[in-house]
């Protein structure tokens, strides 16, 4: 078999997994990791999760679909009601309840390792969304994206795997960039903290 014969075979294997929602999710996932503010990271993450829920539905990855839907709700709530120094009192119970729902949905849609990875990724992302600081949130999202990368490889999501690899890269860049920035309180003593919602 020549290299010229491999191209049509690769295209035929991949084209069933390429769709508009996967492409949009890919773009939003990469952009989310590079957003400068915590609220923008979370709103972009919510849009990304909505796109990937539809993408996973098309692939028949039910656990991935369910975890993405939980993620949409958590991301919107975290963007609006969790800040660097405060959190609405009802947020923690809501996140606990949504984590229990995610656990139940993981068990109800169990499909072996893909479900385990999606569930673990969802748990890590839930922890990330509860962080009030952008850098702390990005650290937990590193773990979540790693789990989702394995899930996407197992379910055959080309867009999902590409998104996770790009998201991991963007998160590392943002973490390094954020770690290199040293606050200068004398220059602007009333400036908001980095990552303020």
C-alpha atoms as a PDB file:
ATOM      1  CA  UNK A   1       0.000   0.000   0.000  1.00  0.00           C
ATOM      2  CA  UNK A   2       1.465   3.339  -1.048  1.00  0.00           C
ATOM      3  CA  UNK A   3       1.197   6.647   0.843  1.00  0.00           C
ATOM      4  CA  UNK A   4      -1.227   7.839  -1.838  1.00  0.00           C
ATOM      5  CA  UNK A   5      -3.560   4.956  -0.893  1.00  0.00           C
ATOM      6  CA  UNK A   6      -3.456   5.911   2.793  1.00  0.00           C
ATOM      7  CA  UNK A   7      -4.932   9.396   2.297  1.00  0.00           C
ATOM      8  CA  UNK A   8      -8.367   8.189   1.074  1.00  0.00           C
ATOM      9  CA  UNK A   9      -8.449   5.534   3.793  1.00  0.00           C
ATOM     10  CA  UNK A  10      -7.671   8.110   6.484  1.00  0.00           C
ATOM     11  CA  UNK A  11     -10.297  10.487   5.100  1.00  0.00           C
ATOM     12  CA  UNK A  12     -12.976   7.764   5.019  1.00  0.00           C
ATOM     13  CA  UNK A  13     -12.170   6.800   8.617  1.00  0.00           C
ATOM     14  CA  UNK A  14     -12.254  10.404   9.900  1.00  0.00           C
ATOM     15  CA  UNK A  15     -15.054  12.061   7.907  1.00  0.00           C
ATOM     16  CA  UNK A  16     -17.878  10.473   9.919  1.00  0.00           C
ATOM     17  CA  UNK A  17     -16.507  12.171  13.027  1.00  0.00           C
ATOM     18  CA  UNK A  18     -16.186  15.646  11.546  1.00  0.00           C
ATOM     19  CA  UNK A  19     -19.095  17.961  12.148  1.00  0.00           C
ATOM     20  CA  UNK A  20     -19.873  21.641  12.652  1.00  0.00           C
ATOM     21  CA  UNK A  21     -20.358  21.344  16.412  1.00  0.00           C
ATOM     22  CA  UNK A  22     -17.056  19.549  16.856  1.00  0.00           C
ATOM     23  CA  UNK A  23     -15.316  22.296  14.871  1.00  0.00           C
ATOM     24  CA  UNK A  24     -16.954  25.070  16.901  1.00  0.00           C
ATOM     25  CA  UNK A  25     -16.138  23.260  20.140  1.00  0.00           C
ATOM     26  CA  UNK A  26     -12.526  22.939  19.021  1.00  0.00           C
ATOM     27  CA  UNK A  27     -12.219  26.691  18.382  1.00  0.00           C
ATOM     28  CA  UNK A  28     -13.961  27.659  21.614  1.00  0.00           C
ATOM     29  CA  UNK A  29     -11.944  25.171  23.679  1.00  0.00           C
ATOM     30  CA  UNK A  30      -8.643  26.608  22.527  1.00  0.00           C
ATOM     31  CA  UNK A  31      -9.834  30.191  22.950  1.00  0.00           C
ATOM     32  CA  UNK A  32     -11.077  29.494  26.484  1.00  0.00           C
ATOM     33  CA  UNK A  33      -7.650  28.573  27.789  1.00  0.00           C
ATOM     34  CA  UNK A  34      -6.189  31.857  26.526  1.00  0.00           C
ATOM     35  CA  UNK A  35      -8.910  34.201  27.834  1.00  0.00           C
ATOM     36  CA  UNK A  36      -7.521  36.896  30.151  1.00  0.00           C
ATOM     37  CA  UNK A  37     -10.315  36.903  32.747  1.00  0.00           C
ATOM     38  CA  UNK A  38     -11.894  34.130  34.762  1.00  0.00           C
ATOM     39  CA  UNK A  39     -15.452  34.973  33.673  1.00  0.00           C
ATOM     40  CA  UNK A  40     -14.463  34.908  29.986  1.00  0.00           C
ATOM     41  CA  UNK A  41     -12.756  31.530  30.468  1.00  0.00           C
ATOM     42  CA  UNK A  42     -15.955  30.154  31.982  1.00  0.00           C
ATOM     43  CA  UNK A  43     -18.438  31.610  29.475  1.00  0.00           C
ATOM     44  CA  UNK A  44     -16.266  30.354  26.609  1.00  0.00           C
ATOM     45  CA  UNK A  45     -16.061  26.977  28.334  1.00  0.00           C
ATOM     46  CA  UNK A  46     -19.872  26.853  28.577  1.00  0.00           C
ATOM     47  CA  UNK A  47     -20.223  27.482  24.834  1.00  0.00           C
ATOM     48  CA  UNK A  48     -17.531  24.884  24.119  1.00  0.00           C
ATOM     49  CA  UNK A  49     -19.316  22.303  26.287  1.00  0.00           C
ATOM     50  CA  UNK A  50     -22.635  22.942  24.540  1.00  0.00           C
ATOM     51  CA  UNK A  51     -21.005  22.324  21.158  1.00  0.00           C
ATOM     52  CA  UNK A  52     -19.274  19.165  22.328  1.00  0.00           C
ATOM     53  CA  UNK A  53     -22.500  17.848  23.889  1.00  0.00           C
ATOM     54  CA  UNK A  54     -24.035  17.880  20.403  1.00  0.00           C
ATOM     55  CA  UNK A  55     -20.850  16.435  18.875  1.00  0.00           C
ATOM     56  CA  UNK A  56     -20.735  13.549  21.381  1.00  0.00           C
ATOM     57  CA  UNK A  57     -24.441  12.926  20.871  1.00  0.00           C
ATOM     58  CA  UNK A  58     -23.742  12.390  17.173  1.00  0.00           C
ATOM     59  CA  UNK A  59     -20.906   9.982  18.056  1.00  0.00           C
ATOM     60  CA  UNK A  60     -23.106   8.039  20.470  1.00  0.00           C
ATOM     61  CA  UNK A  61     -20.859   8.943  23.434  1.00  0.00           C
ATOM     62  CA  UNK A  62     -23.662   9.294  25.969  1.00  0.00           C
ATOM     63  CA  UNK A  63     -21.526   9.873  29.061  1.00  0.00           C
ATOM     64  CA  UNK A  64     -19.584  12.607  27.268  1.00  0.00           C
ATOM     65  CA  UNK A  65     -22.866  14.239  26.218  1.00  0.00           C
ATOM     66  CA  UNK A  66     -24.224  14.147  29.773  1.00  0.00           C
ATOM     67  CA  UNK A  67     -21.026  15.521  31.325  1.00  0.00           C
ATOM     68  CA  UNK A  68     -20.950  18.377  28.813  1.00  0.00           C
ATOM     69  CA  UNK A  69     -24.510  19.371  29.702  1.00  0.00           C
ATOM     70  CA  UNK A  70     -23.626  19.459  33.414  1.00  0.00           C
ATOM     71  CA  UNK A  71     -20.567  21.521  32.468  1.00  0.00           C
ATOM     72  CA  UNK A  72     -22.655  24.168  30.693  1.00  0.00           C
ATOM     73  CA  UNK A  73     -24.704  24.832  33.826  1.00  0.00           C
ATOM     74  CA  UNK A  74     -21.680  24.832  36.147  1.00  0.00           C
ATOM     75  CA  UNK A  75     -19.657  27.157  33.930  1.00  0.00           C
ATOM     76  CA  UNK A  76     -22.413  29.763  33.680  1.00  0.00           C
ATOM     77  CA  UNK A  77     -23.064  29.664  37.442  1.00  0.00           C
ATOM     78  CA  UNK A  78     -19.333  29.863  38.242  1.00  0.00           C
ATOM     79  CA  UNK A  79     -18.814  32.793  35.870  1.00  0.00           C
ATOM     80  CA  UNK A  80     -21.625  34.780  37.437  1.00  0.00           C
ATOM     81  CA  UNK A  81     -21.631  33.852  41.132  1.00  0.00           C
ATOM     82  CA  UNK A  82     -18.065  32.856  42.050  1.00  0.00           C
ATOM     83  CA  UNK A  83     -15.377  35.506  42.330  1.00  0.00           C
ATOM     84  CA  UNK A  84     -11.808  35.741  43.628  1.00  0.00           C
ATOM     85  CA  UNK A  85     -12.932  36.648  47.134  1.00  0.00           C
ATOM     86  CA  UNK A  86     -16.583  35.662  47.320  1.00  0.00           C
ATOM     87  CA  UNK A  87     -19.060  32.980  46.391  1.00  0.00           C
ATOM     88  CA  UNK A  88     -22.838  32.940  46.694  1.00  0.00           C
ATOM     89  CA  UNK A  89     -23.864  30.659  49.577  1.00  0.00           C
ATOM     90  CA  UNK A  90     -26.030  28.437  47.373  1.00  0.00           C
ATOM     91  CA  UNK A  91     -23.272  27.703  44.827  1.00  0.00           C
ATOM     92  CA  UNK A  92     -21.446  24.973  46.782  1.00  0.00           C
ATOM     93  CA  UNK A  93     -24.645  22.941  47.414  1.00  0.00           C
ATOM     94  CA  UNK A  94     -25.625  23.358  43.754  1.00  0.00           C
ATOM     95  CA  UNK A  95     -22.218  22.104  42.611  1.00  0.00           C
ATOM     96  CA  UNK A  96     -22.427  19.177  45.034  1.00  0.00           C
ATOM     97  CA  UNK A  97     -25.880  18.296  43.691  1.00  0.00           C
ATOM     98  CA  UNK A  98     -24.704  18.623  40.081  1.00  0.00           C
ATOM     99  CA  UNK A  99     -21.693  16.406  40.864  1.00  0.00           C
ATOM    100  CA  UNK A 100     -24.053  13.761  42.245  1.00  0.00           C
ATOM    101  CA  UNK A 101     -26.152  14.097  39.089  1.00  0.00           C
ATOM    102  CA  UNK A 102     -22.969  13.715  37.012  1.00  0.00           C
ATOM    103  CA  UNK A 103     -22.049  10.589  38.987  1.00  0.00           C
ATOM    104  CA  UNK A 104     -25.524   9.151  38.430  1.00  0.00           C
ATOM    105  CA  UNK A 105     -25.397   9.963  34.719  1.00  0.00           C
ATOM    106  CA  UNK A 106     -21.931   8.410  34.441  1.00  0.00           C
ATOM    107  CA  UNK A 107     -23.243   5.181  35.975  1.00  0.00           C
ATOM    108  CA  UNK A 108     -26.457   5.274  33.909  1.00  0.00           C
ATOM    109  CA  UNK A 109     -24.516   5.670  30.656  1.00  0.00           C
ATOM    110  CA  UNK A 110     -21.560   3.481  31.663  1.00  0.00           C
ATOM    111  CA  UNK A 111     -19.419   2.350  28.746  1.00  0.00           C
ATOM    112  CA  UNK A 112     -16.172   1.345  30.439  1.00  0.00           C
ATOM    113  CA  UNK A 113     -13.047   3.490  30.188  1.00  0.00           C
ATOM    114  CA  UNK A 114     -14.618   6.273  28.104  1.00  0.00           C
ATOM    115  CA  UNK A 115     -17.233   6.795  30.821  1.00  0.00           C
ATOM    116  CA  UNK A 116     -14.624   6.655  33.589  1.00  0.00           C
ATOM    117  CA  UNK A 117     -12.506   9.297  31.841  1.00  0.00           C
ATOM    118  CA  UNK A 118     -15.495  11.561  31.160  1.00  0.00           C
ATOM    119  CA  UNK A 119     -16.657  11.271  34.769  1.00  0.00           C
ATOM    120  CA  UNK A 120     -13.196  11.977  36.182  1.00  0.00           C
ATOM    121  CA  UNK A 121     -12.741  14.886  33.758  1.00  0.00           C
ATOM    122  CA  UNK A 122     -16.089  16.291  34.857  1.00  0.00           C
ATOM    123  CA  UNK A 123     -15.126  16.040  38.537  1.00  0.00           C
ATOM    124  CA  UNK A 124     -11.814  17.814  37.938  1.00  0.00           C
ATOM    125  CA  UNK A 125     -13.548  20.522  35.887  1.00  0.00           C
ATOM    126  CA  UNK A 126     -16.125  20.995  38.666  1.00  0.00           C
ATOM    127  CA  UNK A 127     -13.276  21.594  41.109  1.00  0.00           C
ATOM    128  CA  UNK A 128     -11.723  24.043  38.634  1.00  0.00           C
ATOM    129  CA  UNK A 129     -14.932  26.058  38.330  1.00  0.00           C
ATOM    130  CA  UNK A 130     -15.108  26.455  42.120  1.00  0.00           C
ATOM    131  CA  UNK A 131     -11.756  28.257  42.144  1.00  0.00           C
ATOM    132  CA  UNK A 132     -11.904  32.021  42.494  1.00  0.00           C
ATOM    133  CA  UNK A 133      -8.486  32.570  40.916  1.00  0.00           C
ATOM    134  CA  UNK A 134      -7.764  32.146  37.184  1.00  0.00           C
ATOM    135  CA  UNK A 135      -4.420  30.405  37.675  1.00  0.00           C
ATOM    136  CA  UNK A 136      -5.809  27.909  40.205  1.00  0.00           C
ATOM    137  CA  UNK A 137      -8.708  27.230  37.851  1.00  0.00           C
ATOM    138  CA  UNK A 138      -6.333  26.595  34.945  1.00  0.00           C
ATOM    139  CA  UNK A 139      -4.372  24.023  37.028  1.00  0.00           C
ATOM    140  CA  UNK A 140      -7.492  21.934  37.646  1.00  0.00           C
ATOM    141  CA  UNK A 141      -8.540  22.322  34.009  1.00  0.00           C
ATOM    142  CA  UNK A 142      -5.190  20.729  33.060  1.00  0.00           C
ATOM    143  CA  UNK A 143      -6.298  17.563  34.827  1.00  0.00           C
ATOM    144  CA  UNK A 144      -9.778  17.737  33.324  1.00  0.00           C
ATOM    145  CA  UNK A 145      -8.464  18.199  29.783  1.00  0.00           C
ATOM    146  CA  UNK A 146      -6.069  15.277  30.235  1.00  0.00           C
ATOM    147  CA  UNK A 147      -8.974  12.988  31.183  1.00  0.00           C
ATOM    148  CA  UNK A 148     -11.075  14.283  28.308  1.00  0.00           C
ATOM    149  CA  UNK A 149      -8.190  13.693  25.877  1.00  0.00           C
ATOM    150  CA  UNK A 150      -8.219  10.002  26.804  1.00  0.00           C
ATOM    151  CA  UNK A 151     -12.033   9.908  26.527  1.00  0.00           C
ATOM    152  CA  UNK A 152     -11.931  11.509  23.082  1.00  0.00           C
ATOM    153  CA  UNK A 153      -9.251   9.144  21.870  1.00  0.00           C
ATOM    154  CA  UNK A 154     -11.341   6.166  23.035  1.00  0.00           C
ATOM    155  CA  UNK A 155     -14.609   7.371  21.416  1.00  0.00           C
ATOM    156  CA  UNK A 156     -12.917   8.465  18.192  1.00  0.00           C
ATOM    157  CA  UNK A 157     -13.536  12.204  18.451  1.00  0.00           C
ATOM    158  CA  UNK A 158     -10.963  13.852  16.205  1.00  0.00           C
ATOM    159  CA  UNK A 159     -12.238  17.313  17.137  1.00  0.00           C
ATOM    160  CA  UNK A 160     -12.370  16.508  20.839  1.00  0.00           C
ATOM    161  CA  UNK A 161      -8.839  15.119  20.943  1.00  0.00           C
ATOM    162  CA  UNK A 162      -7.472  18.033  18.918  1.00  0.00           C
ATOM    163  CA  UNK A 163      -9.326  20.480  21.176  1.00  0.00           C
ATOM    164  CA  UNK A 164      -7.894  18.882  24.298  1.00  0.00           C
ATOM    165  CA  UNK A 165      -4.350  18.943  22.969  1.00  0.00           C
ATOM    166  CA  UNK A 166      -4.717  22.607  21.997  1.00  0.00           C
ATOM    167  CA  UNK A 167      -6.427  23.421  25.296  1.00  0.00           C
ATOM    168  CA  UNK A 168      -3.622  21.754  27.247  1.00  0.00           C
ATOM    169  CA  UNK A 169      -1.116  23.824  25.276  1.00  0.00           C
ATOM    170  CA  UNK A 170      -3.079  27.049  25.842  1.00  0.00           C
ATOM    171  CA  UNK A 171      -3.438  26.340  29.557  1.00  0.00           C
ATOM    172  CA  UNK A 172       0.287  25.708  29.975  1.00  0.00           C
ATOM    173  CA  UNK A 173       1.097  28.929  28.081  1.00  0.00           C
ATOM    174  CA  UNK A 174      -1.381  30.907  30.211  1.00  0.00           C
ATOM    175  CA  UNK A 175      -0.042  29.362  33.438  1.00  0.00           C
ATOM    176  CA  UNK A 176       3.541  30.188  32.504  1.00  0.00           C
ATOM    177  CA  UNK A 177       2.577  33.690  31.395  1.00  0.00           C
ATOM    178  CA  UNK A 178       0.536  34.274  34.567  1.00  0.00           C
ATOM    179  CA  UNK A 179       3.303  32.912  36.789  1.00  0.00           C
ATOM    180  CA  UNK A 180       5.827  35.254  35.207  1.00  0.00           C
ATOM    181  CA  UNK A 181       3.706  38.337  35.907  1.00  0.00           C
ATOM    182  CA  UNK A 182       4.658  39.931  39.218  1.00  0.00           C
ATOM    183  CA  UNK A 183       2.132  42.325  40.758  1.00  0.00           C
ATOM    184  CA  UNK A 184       3.336  45.868  41.280  1.00  0.00           C
ATOM    185  CA  UNK A 185       1.107  47.256  44.039  1.00  0.00           C
ATOM    186  CA  UNK A 186       2.818  50.647  44.087  1.00  0.00           C
ATOM    187  CA  UNK A 187       1.972  51.284  40.436  1.00  0.00           C
ATOM    188  CA  UNK A 188      -1.789  50.836  40.861  1.00  0.00           C
ATOM    189  CA  UNK A 189      -2.880  50.019  44.409  1.00  0.00           C
ATOM    190  CA  UNK A 190      -6.581  49.735  43.587  1.00  0.00           C
ATOM    191  CA  UNK A 191      -6.275  47.567  40.464  1.00  0.00           C
ATOM    192  CA  UNK A 192      -8.486  44.468  40.531  1.00  0.00           C
ATOM    193  CA  UNK A 193      -6.820  41.136  41.116  1.00  0.00           C
ATOM    194  CA  UNK A 194      -5.930  39.112  38.038  1.00  0.00           C
ATOM    195  CA  UNK A 195      -8.779  36.755  37.231  1.00  0.00           C
ATOM    196  CA  UNK A 196     -11.471  38.874  38.846  1.00  0.00           C
ATOM    197  CA  UNK A 197     -14.889  37.857  37.651  1.00  0.00           C
END
